[in-house]
Amino acid sequence: VEPHKRPRSSMSPVIVFDKKNEPLLVVGSPGGSSIIPFVIKTLI
């Protein structure tokens, strides 16, 4: 790890809370550059 370096892959862990502020859904995905589309698909 060094300053000013870019990560090799995206990370997008997501926690969705309900109206009572309780965790409703926790999602994430392995897969390098495919992580974000997989997480979005699951959320939708």
PDB file of all heavy atoms in Angstrom:
ATOM      1  N   VAL A   1       0.846  -1.171   0.000  1.00  0.00           N
ATOM      2  CA  VAL A   1       0.000   0.000   0.000  1.00  0.00           C
ATOM      3  C   VAL A   1       0.894   1.237   0.000  1.00  0.00           C
ATOM      4  O   VAL A   1       1.805   1.343   0.805  1.00  0.00           O
ATOM      5  CB  VAL A   1      -0.920   0.005   1.216  1.00  0.00           C
ATOM      6  CG1 VAL A   1      -1.740   1.261   1.270  1.00  0.00           C
ATOM      7  CG2 VAL A   1      -1.798  -1.231   1.221  1.00  0.00           C
ATOM      8  N   GLU A   2       0.607   2.128  -0.959  1.00  0.00           N
ATOM      9  CA  GLU A   2       1.379   3.359  -1.053  1.00  0.00           C
ATOM     10  C   GLU A   2       0.441   4.522  -1.364  1.00  0.00           C
ATOM     11  O   GLU A   2      -0.618   4.321  -1.960  1.00  0.00           O
ATOM     12  CB  GLU A   2       2.410   3.254  -2.170  1.00  0.00           C
ATOM     13  CG  GLU A   2       3.471   2.204  -1.938  1.00  0.00           C
ATOM     14  CD  GLU A   2       4.429   2.122  -3.114  1.00  0.00           C
ATOM     15  OE1 GLU A   2       4.732   3.172  -3.711  1.00  0.00           O
ATOM     16  OE2 GLU A   2       4.856   1.012  -3.441  1.00  0.00           O
ATOM     17  N   PRO A   3       0.829   5.725  -0.971  1.00  0.00           N
ATOM     18  CA  PRO A   3       0.001   6.887  -1.321  1.00  0.00           C
ATOM     19  C   PRO A   3      -0.102   7.060  -2.831  1.00  0.00           C
ATOM     20  O   PRO A   3       0.800   6.682  -3.570  1.00  0.00           O
ATOM     21  CB  PRO A   3       0.756   8.072  -0.699  1.00  0.00           C
ATOM     22  CG  PRO A   3       1.701   7.484   0.278  1.00  0.00           C
ATOM     23  CD  PRO A   3       1.992   6.092  -0.181  1.00  0.00           C
ATOM     24  N   HIS A   4      -1.211   7.633  -3.264  1.00  0.00           N
ATOM     25  CA  HIS A   4      -1.453   7.987  -4.659  1.00  0.00           C
ATOM     26  C   HIS A   4      -1.539   6.784  -5.600  1.00  0.00           C
ATOM     27  O   HIS A   4      -1.337   6.926  -6.798  1.00  0.00           O
ATOM     28  CB  HIS A   4      -0.401   8.979  -5.164  1.00  0.00           C
ATOM     29  CG  HIS A   4      -0.234  10.154  -4.272  1.00  0.00           C
ATOM     30  ND1 HIS A   4      -1.224  11.116  -4.114  1.00  0.00           N
ATOM     31  CD2 HIS A   4       0.776  10.511  -3.451  1.00  0.00           C
ATOM     32  CE1 HIS A   4      -0.805  12.021  -3.241  1.00  0.00           C
ATOM     33  NE2 HIS A   4       0.402  11.680  -2.824  1.00  0.00           N
ATOM     34  N   LYS A   5      -1.791   5.610  -5.085  1.00  0.00           N
ATOM     35  CA  LYS A   5      -1.973   4.415  -5.912  1.00  0.00           C
ATOM     36  C   LYS A   5      -3.462   4.153  -6.086  1.00  0.00           C
ATOM     37  O   LYS A   5      -4.257   4.444  -5.196  1.00  0.00           O
ATOM     38  CB  LYS A   5      -1.316   3.184  -5.263  1.00  0.00           C
ATOM     39  CG  LYS A   5       0.185   3.284  -5.128  1.00  0.00           C
ATOM     40  CD  LYS A   5       0.829   3.116  -6.460  1.00  0.00           C
ATOM     41  CE  LYS A   5       2.339   3.128  -6.308  1.00  0.00           C
ATOM     42  NZ  LYS A   5       3.021   2.830  -7.525  1.00  0.00           N
ATOM     43  N   ARG A   6      -3.840   3.606  -7.223  1.00  0.00           N
ATOM     44  CA  ARG A   6      -5.237   3.267  -7.490  1.00  0.00           C
ATOM     45  C   ARG A   6      -5.470   1.800  -7.140  1.00  0.00           C
ATOM     46  O   ARG A   6      -4.593   0.962  -7.364  1.00  0.00           O
ATOM     47  CB  ARG A   6      -5.557   3.488  -8.954  1.00  0.00           C
ATOM     48  CG  ARG A   6      -5.460   4.960  -9.334  1.00  0.00           C
ATOM     49  CD  ARG A   6      -5.748   5.168 -10.767  1.00  0.00           C
ATOM     50  NE  ARG A   6      -7.162   4.888 -11.007  1.00  0.00           N
ATOM     51  CZ  ARG A   6      -7.735   4.998 -12.172  1.00  0.00           C
ATOM     52  NH1 ARG A   6      -7.038   5.356 -13.230  1.00  0.00           N
ATOM     53  NH2 ARG A   6      -9.009   4.742 -12.318  1.00  0.00           N
ATOM     54  N   PRO A   7      -6.643   1.459  -6.612  1.00  0.00           N
ATOM     55  CA  PRO A   7      -6.930   0.054  -6.317  1.00  0.00           C
ATOM     56  C   PRO A   7      -6.991  -0.753  -7.603  1.00  0.00           C
ATOM     57  O   PRO A   7      -7.335  -0.237  -8.665  1.00  0.00           O
ATOM     58  CB  PRO A   7      -8.295   0.102  -5.631  1.00  0.00           C
ATOM     59  CG  PRO A   7      -8.875   1.412  -6.002  1.00  0.00           C
ATOM     60  CD  PRO A   7      -7.741   2.340  -6.292  1.00  0.00           C
ATOM     61  N   ARG A   8      -6.679  -2.031  -7.523  1.00  0.00           N
ATOM     62  CA  ARG A   8      -6.703  -2.905  -8.691  1.00  0.00           C
ATOM     63  C   ARG A   8      -8.110  -3.336  -9.055  1.00  0.00           C
ATOM     64  O   ARG A   8      -8.356  -3.797 -10.154  1.00  0.00           O
ATOM     65  CB  ARG A   8      -5.830  -4.131  -8.433  1.00  0.00           C
ATOM     66  CG  ARG A   8      -4.372  -3.780  -8.376  1.00  0.00           C
ATOM     67  CD  ARG A   8      -3.547  -5.011  -8.204  1.00  0.00           C
ATOM     68  NE  ARG A   8      -3.905  -5.963  -9.243  1.00  0.00           N
ATOM     69  CZ  ARG A   8      -3.055  -6.651  -9.949  1.00  0.00           C
ATOM     70  NH1 ARG A   8      -1.782  -6.504  -9.737  1.00  0.00           N
ATOM     71  NH2 ARG A   8      -3.464  -7.494 -10.860  1.00  0.00           N
ATOM     72  N   SER A   9      -9.021  -3.258  -8.126  1.00  0.00           N
ATOM     73  CA  SER A   9     -10.398  -3.637  -8.428  1.00  0.00           C
ATOM     74  C   SER A   9     -11.360  -2.759  -7.635  1.00  0.00           C
ATOM     75  O   SER A   9     -10.958  -2.083  -6.694  1.00  0.00           O
ATOM     76  CB  SER A   9     -10.653  -5.110  -8.104  1.00  0.00           C
ATOM     77  OG  SER A   9     -10.616  -5.317  -6.724  1.00  0.00           O
ATOM     78  N   SER A  10     -12.597  -2.794  -8.042  1.00  0.00           N
ATOM     79  CA  SER A  10     -13.624  -2.037  -7.330  1.00  0.00           C
ATOM     80  C   SER A  10     -14.125  -2.849  -6.149  1.00  0.00           C
ATOM     81  O   SER A  10     -14.118  -4.068  -6.182  1.00  0.00           O
ATOM     82  CB  SER A  10     -14.802  -1.752  -8.260  1.00  0.00           C
ATOM     83  OG  SER A  10     -14.378  -1.000  -9.359  1.00  0.00           O
ATOM     84  N   MET A  11     -14.565  -2.164  -5.142  1.00  0.00           N
ATOM     85  CA  MET A  11     -15.205  -2.819  -4.006  1.00  0.00           C
ATOM     86  C   MET A  11     -16.493  -2.062  -3.737  1.00  0.00           C
ATOM     87  O   MET A  11     -16.490  -0.844  -3.723  1.00  0.00           O
ATOM     88  CB  MET A  11     -14.317  -2.805  -2.775  1.00  0.00           C
ATOM     89  CG  MET A  11     -13.059  -3.611  -2.932  1.00  0.00           C
ATOM     90  SD  MET A  11     -12.005  -3.544  -1.487  1.00  0.00           S
ATOM     91  CE  MET A  11     -13.040  -4.191  -0.227  1.00  0.00           C
ATOM     92  N   SER A  12     -17.568  -2.791  -3.550  1.00  0.00           N
ATOM     93  CA  SER A  12     -18.830  -2.083  -3.294  1.00  0.00           C
ATOM     94  C   SER A  12     -19.700  -2.849  -2.316  1.00  0.00           C
ATOM     95  O   SER A  12     -20.811  -3.230  -2.646  1.00  0.00           O
ATOM     96  CB  SER A  12     -19.575  -1.836  -4.604  1.00  0.00           C
ATOM     97  OG  SER A  12     -19.832  -3.065  -5.251  1.00  0.00           O
ATOM     98  N   PRO A  13     -19.207  -3.098  -1.098  1.00  0.00           N
ATOM     99  CA  PRO A  13     -20.107  -3.685  -0.107  1.00  0.00           C
ATOM    100  C   PRO A  13     -21.231  -2.701   0.191  1.00  0.00           C
ATOM    101  O   PRO A  13     -21.005  -1.494   0.250  1.00  0.00           O
ATOM    102  CB  PRO A  13     -19.212  -3.906   1.114  1.00  0.00           C
ATOM    103  CG  PRO A  13     -18.076  -2.973   0.931  1.00  0.00           C
ATOM    104  CD  PRO A  13     -17.906  -2.778  -0.551  1.00  0.00           C
ATOM    105  N   VAL A  14     -22.440  -3.209   0.310  1.00  0.00           N
ATOM    106  CA  VAL A  14     -23.607  -2.351   0.507  1.00  0.00           C
ATOM    107  C   VAL A  14     -24.446  -2.892   1.657  1.00  0.00           C
ATOM    108  O   VAL A  14     -24.711  -4.093   1.722  1.00  0.00           O
ATOM    109  CB  VAL A  14     -24.475  -2.300  -0.776  1.00  0.00           C
ATOM    110  CG1 VAL A  14     -25.739  -1.496  -0.540  1.00  0.00           C
ATOM    111  CG2 VAL A  14     -23.686  -1.724  -1.931  1.00  0.00           C
ATOM    112  N   ILE A  15     -24.861  -2.014   2.554  1.00  0.00           N
ATOM    113  CA  ILE A  15     -25.806  -2.363   3.610  1.00  0.00           C
ATOM    114  C   ILE A  15     -27.050  -1.514   3.385  1.00  0.00           C
ATOM    115  O   ILE A  15     -26.967  -0.294   3.297  1.00  0.00           O
ATOM    116  CB  ILE A  15     -25.237  -2.092   5.018  1.00  0.00           C
ATOM    117  CG1 ILE A  15     -23.931  -2.861   5.226  1.00  0.00           C
ATOM    118  CG2 ILE A  15     -26.268  -2.469   6.088  1.00  0.00           C
ATOM    119  CD1 ILE A  15     -23.215  -2.510   6.507  1.00  0.00           C
ATOM    120  N   VAL A  16     -28.204  -2.170   3.285  1.00  0.00           N
ATOM    121  CA  VAL A  16     -29.476  -1.478   3.100  1.00  0.00           C
ATOM    122  C   VAL A  16     -30.220  -1.530   4.429  1.00  0.00           C
ATOM    123  O   VAL A  16     -30.357  -2.601   5.027  1.00  0.00           O
ATOM    124  CB  VAL A  16     -30.322  -2.156   1.998  1.00  0.00           C
ATOM    125  CG1 VAL A  16     -31.664  -1.461   1.840  1.00  0.00           C
ATOM    126  CG2 VAL A  16     -29.558  -2.162   0.677  1.00  0.00           C
ATOM    127  N   PHE A  17     -30.710  -0.379   4.872  1.00  0.00           N
ATOM    128  CA  PHE A  17     -31.441  -0.292   6.139  1.00  0.00           C
ATOM    129  C   PHE A  17     -32.922  -0.067   5.869  1.00  0.00           C
ATOM    130  O   PHE A  17     -33.290   0.594   4.902  1.00  0.00           O
ATOM    131  CB  PHE A  17     -30.896   0.856   6.995  1.00  0.00           C
ATOM    132  CG  PHE A  17     -29.485   0.631   7.454  1.00  0.00           C
ATOM    133  CD1 PHE A  17     -28.412   1.064   6.695  1.00  0.00           C
ATOM    134  CD2 PHE A  17     -29.239  -0.028   8.645  1.00  0.00           C
ATOM    135  CE1 PHE A  17     -27.106   0.858   7.116  1.00  0.00           C
ATOM    136  CE2 PHE A  17     -27.937  -0.254   9.080  1.00  0.00           C
ATOM    137  CZ  PHE A  17     -26.866   0.201   8.310  1.00  0.00           C
ATOM    138  N   ASP A  18     -33.780  -0.589   6.759  1.00  0.00           N
ATOM    139  CA  ASP A  18     -35.215  -0.360   6.628  1.00  0.00           C
ATOM    140  C   ASP A  18     -35.579   0.980   7.289  1.00  0.00           C
ATOM    141  O   ASP A  18     -34.707   1.722   7.738  1.00  0.00           O
ATOM    142  CB  ASP A  18     -36.023  -1.524   7.213  1.00  0.00           C
ATOM    143  CG  ASP A  18     -35.840  -1.707   8.706  1.00  0.00           C
ATOM    144  OD1 ASP A  18     -35.293  -0.805   9.389  1.00  0.00           O
ATOM    145  OD2 ASP A  18     -36.258  -2.763   9.222  1.00  0.00           O
ATOM    146  N   LYS A  19     -36.864   1.271   7.331  1.00  0.00           N
ATOM    147  CA  LYS A  19     -37.319   2.555   7.884  1.00  0.00           C
ATOM    148  C   LYS A  19     -37.026   2.709   9.368  1.00  0.00           C
ATOM    149  O   LYS A  19     -36.982   3.814   9.889  1.00  0.00           O
ATOM    150  CB  LYS A  19     -38.813   2.730   7.619  1.00  0.00           C
ATOM    151  CG  LYS A  19     -39.127   2.912   6.154  1.00  0.00           C
ATOM    152  CD  LYS A  19     -40.603   3.057   5.921  1.00  0.00           C
ATOM    153  CE  LYS A  19     -40.877   3.198   4.439  1.00  0.00           C
ATOM    154  NZ  LYS A  19     -42.288   3.375   4.144  1.00  0.00           N
ATOM    155  N   LYS A  20     -36.823   1.592  10.069  1.00  0.00           N
ATOM    156  CA  LYS A  20     -36.496   1.641  11.497  1.00  0.00           C
ATOM    157  C   LYS A  20     -34.985   1.664  11.726  1.00  0.00           C
ATOM    158  O   LYS A  20     -34.524   1.480  12.834  1.00  0.00           O
ATOM    159  CB  LYS A  20     -37.113   0.442  12.208  1.00  0.00           C
ATOM    160  CG  LYS A  20     -38.620   0.435  12.176  1.00  0.00           C
ATOM    161  CD  LYS A  20     -39.160  -0.793  12.879  1.00  0.00           C
ATOM    162  CE  LYS A  20     -40.672  -0.825  12.808  1.00  0.00           C
ATOM    163  NZ  LYS A  20     -41.203  -2.042  13.426  1.00  0.00           N
ATOM    164  N   ASN A  21     -34.242   1.832  10.646  1.00  0.00           N
ATOM    165  CA  ASN A  21     -32.784   1.866  10.690  1.00  0.00           C
ATOM    166  C   ASN A  21     -32.167   0.526  11.083  1.00  0.00           C
ATOM    167  O   ASN A  21     -31.079   0.479  11.651  1.00  0.00           O
ATOM    168  CB  ASN A  21     -32.283   2.995  11.588  1.00  0.00           C
ATOM    169  CG  ASN A  21     -31.111   3.728  10.986  1.00  0.00           C
ATOM    170  OD1 ASN A  21     -30.850   3.614   9.788  1.00  0.00           O
ATOM    171  ND2 ASN A  21     -30.413   4.481  11.806  1.00  0.00           N
ATOM    172  N   GLU A  22     -32.877  -0.555  10.781  1.00  0.00           N
ATOM    173  CA  GLU A  22     -32.371  -1.906  11.020  1.00  0.00           C
ATOM    174  C   GLU A  22     -31.816  -2.453   9.713  1.00  0.00           C
ATOM    175  O   GLU A  22     -32.374  -2.202   8.641  1.00  0.00           O
ATOM    176  CB  GLU A  22     -33.507  -2.820  11.504  1.00  0.00           C
ATOM    177  CG  GLU A  22     -34.110  -2.416  12.837  1.00  0.00           C
ATOM    178  CD  GLU A  22     -33.169  -2.645  13.988  1.00  0.00           C
ATOM    179  OE1 GLU A  22     -32.402  -3.627  13.955  1.00  0.00           O
ATOM    180  OE2 GLU A  22     -33.197  -1.833  14.937  1.00  0.00           O
ATOM    181  N   PRO A  23     -30.725  -3.227   9.758  1.00  0.00           N
ATOM    182  CA  PRO A  23     -30.189  -3.804   8.521  1.00  0.00           C
ATOM    183  C   PRO A  23     -31.223  -4.708   7.845  1.00  0.00           C
ATOM    184  O   PRO A  23     -31.839  -5.557   8.491  1.00  0.00           O
ATOM    185  CB  PRO A  23     -28.989  -4.615   8.986  1.00  0.00           C
ATOM    186  CG  PRO A  23     -28.638  -4.068  10.323  1.00  0.00           C
ATOM    187  CD  PRO A  23     -29.923  -3.568  10.919  1.00  0.00           C
ATOM    188  N   LEU A  24     -31.430  -4.495   6.576  1.00  0.00           N
ATOM    189  CA  LEU A  24     -32.392  -5.260   5.794  1.00  0.00           C
ATOM    190  C   LEU A  24     -31.680  -6.214   4.845  1.00  0.00           C
ATOM    191  O   LEU A  24     -32.102  -7.341   4.632  1.00  0.00           O
ATOM    192  CB  LEU A  24     -33.286  -4.296   5.009  1.00  0.00           C
ATOM    193  CG  LEU A  24     -34.313  -4.886   4.067  1.00  0.00           C
ATOM    194  CD1 LEU A  24     -35.389  -5.613   4.874  1.00  0.00           C
ATOM    195  CD2 LEU A  24     -34.935  -3.795   3.216  1.00  0.00           C
ATOM    196  N   LEU A  25     -30.568  -5.770   4.286  1.00  0.00           N
ATOM    197  CA  LEU A  25     -29.869  -6.525   3.264  1.00  0.00           C
ATOM    198  C   LEU A  25     -28.405  -6.123   3.268  1.00  0.00           C
ATOM    199  O   LEU A  25     -28.083  -4.935   3.360  1.00  0.00           O
ATOM    200  CB  LEU A  25     -30.493  -6.211   1.899  1.00  0.00           C
ATOM    201  CG  LEU A  25     -29.959  -6.876   0.654  1.00  0.00           C
ATOM    202  CD1 LEU A  25     -30.188  -8.382   0.711  1.00  0.00           C
ATOM    203  CD2 LEU A  25     -30.642  -6.298  -0.580  1.00  0.00           C
ATOM    204  N   VAL A  26     -27.519  -7.097   3.187  1.00  0.00           N
ATOM    205  CA  VAL A  26     -26.087  -6.838   3.075  1.00  0.00           C
ATOM    206  C   VAL A  26     -25.602  -7.611   1.860  1.00  0.00           C
ATOM    207  O   VAL A  26     -25.798  -8.826   1.776  1.00  0.00           O
ATOM    208  CB  VAL A  26     -25.321  -7.302   4.334  1.00  0.00           C
ATOM    209  CG1 VAL A  26     -23.825  -7.062   4.180  1.00  0.00           C
ATOM    210  CG2 VAL A  26     -25.850  -6.609   5.575  1.00  0.00           C
ATOM    211  N   VAL A  27     -25.032  -6.918   0.889  1.00  0.00           N
ATOM    212  CA  VAL A  27     -24.573  -7.586  -0.330  1.00  0.00           C
ATOM    213  C   VAL A  27     -23.171  -7.121  -0.702  1.00  0.00           C
ATOM    214  O   VAL A  27     -22.723  -6.050  -0.320  1.00  0.00           O
ATOM    215  CB  VAL A  27     -25.524  -7.339  -1.525  1.00  0.00           C
ATOM    216  CG1 VAL A  27     -26.862  -7.953  -1.286  1.00  0.00           C
ATOM    217  CG2 VAL A  27     -25.659  -5.871  -1.847  1.00  0.00           C
ATOM    218  N   GLY A  28     -22.513  -7.953  -1.459  1.00  0.00           N
ATOM    219  CA  GLY A  28     -21.194  -7.682  -2.011  1.00  0.00           C
ATOM    220  C   GLY A  28     -20.922  -8.776  -3.026  1.00  0.00           C
ATOM    221  O   GLY A  28     -21.749  -9.668  -3.229  1.00  0.00           O
ATOM    222  N   SER A  29     -19.780  -8.735  -3.692  1.00  0.00           N
ATOM    223  CA  SER A  29     -19.499  -9.729  -4.716  1.00  0.00           C
ATOM    224  C   SER A  29     -18.011  -9.805  -4.992  1.00  0.00           C
ATOM    225  O   SER A  29     -17.327  -8.788  -4.981  1.00  0.00           O
ATOM    226  CB  SER A  29     -20.232  -9.361  -6.008  1.00  0.00           C
ATOM    227  OG  SER A  29     -19.894 -10.249  -7.045  1.00  0.00           O
ATOM    228  N   PRO A  30     -17.501 -11.018  -5.275  1.00  0.00           N
ATOM    229  CA  PRO A  30     -16.156 -11.109  -5.836  1.00  0.00           C
ATOM    230  C   PRO A  30     -16.258 -10.854  -7.335  1.00  0.00           C
ATOM    231  O   PRO A  30     -17.348 -10.878  -7.891  1.00  0.00           O
ATOM    232  CB  PRO A  30     -15.766 -12.562  -5.554  1.00  0.00           C
ATOM    233  CG  PRO A  30     -17.062 -13.285  -5.598  1.00  0.00           C
ATOM    234  CD  PRO A  30     -18.091 -12.326  -5.033  1.00  0.00           C
ATOM    235  N   GLY A  31     -15.171 -10.595  -8.000  1.00  0.00           N
ATOM    236  CA  GLY A  31     -15.243 -10.525  -9.445  1.00  0.00           C
ATOM    237  C   GLY A  31     -14.576  -9.356 -10.120  1.00  0.00           C
ATOM    238  O   GLY A  31     -14.883  -9.056 -11.260  1.00  0.00           O
ATOM    239  N   GLY A  32     -13.667  -8.663  -9.453  1.00  0.00           N
ATOM    240  CA  GLY A  32     -12.941  -7.584 -10.117  1.00  0.00           C
ATOM    241  C   GLY A  32     -13.855  -6.511 -10.659  1.00  0.00           C
ATOM    242  O   GLY A  32     -14.694  -5.978  -9.954  1.00  0.00           O
ATOM    243  N   SER A  33     -13.727  -6.218 -11.949  1.00  0.00           N
ATOM    244  CA  SER A  33     -14.510  -5.143 -12.542  1.00  0.00           C
ATOM    245  C   SER A  33     -15.986  -5.498 -12.697  1.00  0.00           C
ATOM    246  O   SER A  33     -16.793  -4.653 -13.060  1.00  0.00           O
ATOM    247  CB  SER A  33     -13.930  -4.757 -13.903  1.00  0.00           C
ATOM    248  OG  SER A  33     -14.032  -5.838 -14.809  1.00  0.00           O
ATOM    249  N   SER A  34     -16.357  -6.738 -12.429  1.00  0.00           N
ATOM    250  CA  SER A  34     -17.764  -7.162 -12.509  1.00  0.00           C
ATOM    251  C   SER A  34     -18.510  -6.974 -11.189  1.00  0.00           C
ATOM    252  O   SER A  34     -19.711  -7.206 -11.128  1.00  0.00           O
ATOM    253  CB  SER A  34     -17.847  -8.631 -12.918  1.00  0.00           C
ATOM    254  OG  SER A  34     -17.242  -8.823 -14.171  1.00  0.00           O
ATOM    255  N   ILE A  35     -17.818  -6.574 -10.141  1.00  0.00           N
ATOM    256  CA  ILE A  35     -18.435  -6.460  -8.818  1.00  0.00           C
ATOM    257  C   ILE A  35     -19.635  -5.519  -8.837  1.00  0.00           C
ATOM    258  O   ILE A  35     -20.722  -5.879  -8.394  1.00  0.00           O
ATOM    259  CB  ILE A  35     -17.416  -5.969  -7.769  1.00  0.00           C
ATOM    260  CG1 ILE A  35     -16.350  -7.035  -7.539  1.00  0.00           C
ATOM    261  CG2 ILE A  35     -18.101  -5.618  -6.457  1.00  0.00           C
ATOM    262  CD1 ILE A  35     -15.181  -6.558  -6.696  1.00  0.00           C
ATOM    263  N   ILE A  36     -19.465  -4.323  -9.334  1.00  0.00           N
ATOM    264  CA  ILE A  36     -20.530  -3.328  -9.262  1.00  0.00           C
ATOM    265  C   ILE A  36     -21.783  -3.777 -10.009  1.00  0.00           C
ATOM    266  O   ILE A  36     -22.884  -3.710  -9.451  1.00  0.00           O
ATOM    267  CB  ILE A  36     -20.015  -1.945  -9.711  1.00  0.00           C
ATOM    268  CG1 ILE A  36     -18.983  -1.450  -8.694  1.00  0.00           C
ATOM    269  CG2 ILE A  36     -21.156  -0.958  -9.862  1.00  0.00           C
ATOM    270  CD1 ILE A  36     -18.234  -0.214  -9.120  1.00  0.00           C
ATOM    271  N   PRO A  37     -21.680  -4.285 -11.252  1.00  0.00           N
ATOM    272  CA  PRO A  37     -22.913  -4.756 -11.919  1.00  0.00           C
ATOM    273  C   PRO A  37     -23.608  -5.902 -11.170  1.00  0.00           C
ATOM    274  O   PRO A  37     -24.836  -5.958 -11.135  1.00  0.00           O
ATOM    275  CB  PRO A  37     -22.428  -5.217 -13.292  1.00  0.00           C
ATOM    276  CG  PRO A  37     -21.165  -4.468 -13.528  1.00  0.00           C
ATOM    277  CD  PRO A  37     -20.551  -4.287 -12.176  1.00  0.00           C
ATOM    278  N   PHE A  38     -22.853  -6.812 -10.558  1.00  0.00           N
ATOM    279  CA  PHE A  38     -23.473  -7.910  -9.817  1.00  0.00           C
ATOM    280  C   PHE A  38     -24.208  -7.387  -8.582  1.00  0.00           C
ATOM    281  O   PHE A  38     -25.308  -7.830  -8.273  1.00  0.00           O
ATOM    282  CB  PHE A  38     -22.423  -8.952  -9.396  1.00  0.00           C
ATOM    283  CG  PHE A  38     -22.169  -9.996 -10.432  1.00  0.00           C
ATOM    284  CD1 PHE A  38     -21.131  -9.873 -11.332  1.00  0.00           C
ATOM    285  CD2 PHE A  38     -22.980 -11.118 -10.521  1.00  0.00           C
ATOM    286  CE1 PHE A  38     -20.889 -10.834 -12.294  1.00  0.00           C
ATOM    287  CE2 PHE A  38     -22.751 -12.090 -11.477  1.00  0.00           C
ATOM    288  CZ  PHE A  38     -21.703 -11.949 -12.368  1.00  0.00           C
ATOM    289  N   VAL A  39     -23.612  -6.441  -7.873  1.00  0.00           N
ATOM    290  CA  VAL A  39     -24.248  -5.879  -6.684  1.00  0.00           C
ATOM    291  C   VAL A  39     -25.512  -5.103  -7.073  1.00  0.00           C
ATOM    292  O   VAL A  39     -26.561  -5.249  -6.441  1.00  0.00           O
ATOM    293  CB  VAL A  39     -23.257  -4.993  -5.888  1.00  0.00           C
ATOM    294  CG1 VAL A  39     -23.969  -4.207  -4.804  1.00  0.00           C
ATOM    295  CG2 VAL A  39     -22.156  -5.862  -5.288  1.00  0.00           C
ATOM    296  N   ILE A  40     -25.425  -4.310  -8.120  1.00  0.00           N
ATOM    297  CA  ILE A  40     -26.596  -3.543  -8.571  1.00  0.00           C
ATOM    298  C   ILE A  40     -27.723  -4.478  -8.988  1.00  0.00           C
ATOM    299  O   ILE A  40     -28.889  -4.259  -8.654  1.00  0.00           O
ATOM    300  CB  ILE A  40     -26.210  -2.588  -9.710  1.00  0.00           C
ATOM    301  CG1 ILE A  40     -25.344  -1.469  -9.155  1.00  0.00           C
ATOM    302  CG2 ILE A  40     -27.436  -2.029 -10.415  1.00  0.00           C
ATOM    303  CD1 ILE A  40     -24.725  -0.585 -10.198  1.00  0.00           C
ATOM    304  N   LYS A  41     -27.390  -5.553  -9.722  1.00  0.00           N
ATOM    305  CA  LYS A  41     -28.413  -6.526 -10.130  1.00  0.00           C
ATOM    306  C   LYS A  41     -29.129  -7.089  -8.912  1.00  0.00           C
ATOM    307  O   LYS A  41     -30.362  -7.170  -8.883  1.00  0.00           O
ATOM    308  CB  LYS A  41     -27.777  -7.664 -10.926  1.00  0.00           C
ATOM    309  CG  LYS A  41     -28.779  -8.750 -11.329  1.00  0.00           C
ATOM    310  CD  LYS A  41     -28.079  -9.986 -11.837  1.00  0.00           C
ATOM    311  CE  LYS A  41     -28.060 -11.027 -10.747  1.00  0.00           C
ATOM    312  NZ  LYS A  41     -27.702 -12.362 -11.174  1.00  0.00           N
ATOM    313  N   THR A  42     -28.385  -7.446  -7.896  1.00  0.00           N
ATOM    314  CA  THR A  42     -28.979  -8.015  -6.697  1.00  0.00           C
ATOM    315  C   THR A  42     -29.880  -7.001  -5.995  1.00  0.00           C
ATOM    316  O   THR A  42     -31.000  -7.326  -5.580  1.00  0.00           O
ATOM    317  CB  THR A  42     -27.882  -8.519  -5.741  1.00  0.00           C
ATOM    318  OG1 THR A  42     -27.087  -9.480  -6.431  1.00  0.00           O
ATOM    319  CG2 THR A  42     -28.478  -9.146  -4.497  1.00  0.00           C
ATOM    320  N   LEU A  43     -29.418  -5.764  -5.871  1.00  0.00           N
ATOM    321  CA  LEU A  43     -30.232  -4.730  -5.224  1.00  0.00           C
ATOM    322  C   LEU A  43     -31.540  -4.496  -5.980  1.00  0.00           C
ATOM    323  O   LEU A  43     -32.612  -4.435  -5.369  1.00  0.00           O
ATOM    324  CB  LEU A  43     -29.446  -3.423  -5.117  1.00  0.00           C
ATOM    325  CG  LEU A  43     -28.262  -3.430  -4.159  1.00  0.00           C
ATOM    326  CD1 LEU A  43     -27.448  -2.157  -4.312  1.00  0.00           C
ATOM    327  CD2 LEU A  43     -28.715  -3.633  -2.732  1.00  0.00           C
ATOM    328  N   ILE A  44     -31.479  -4.375  -7.289  1.00  0.00           N
ATOM    329  CA  ILE A  44     -32.688  -4.144  -8.087  1.00  0.00           C
ATOM    330  C   ILE A  44     -33.636  -5.333  -7.989  1.00  0.00           C
ATOM    331  O   ILE A  44     -34.845  -5.168  -7.785  1.00  0.00           O
ATOM    332  CB  ILE A  44     -32.323  -3.847  -9.554  1.00  0.00           C
ATOM    333  CG1 ILE A  44     -31.648  -2.476  -9.646  1.00  0.00           C
ATOM    334  CG2 ILE A  44     -33.563  -3.907 -10.454  1.00  0.00           C
ATOM    335  CD1 ILE A  44     -31.025  -2.181 -10.997  1.00  0.00           C
TER     336      ILE A  44
END
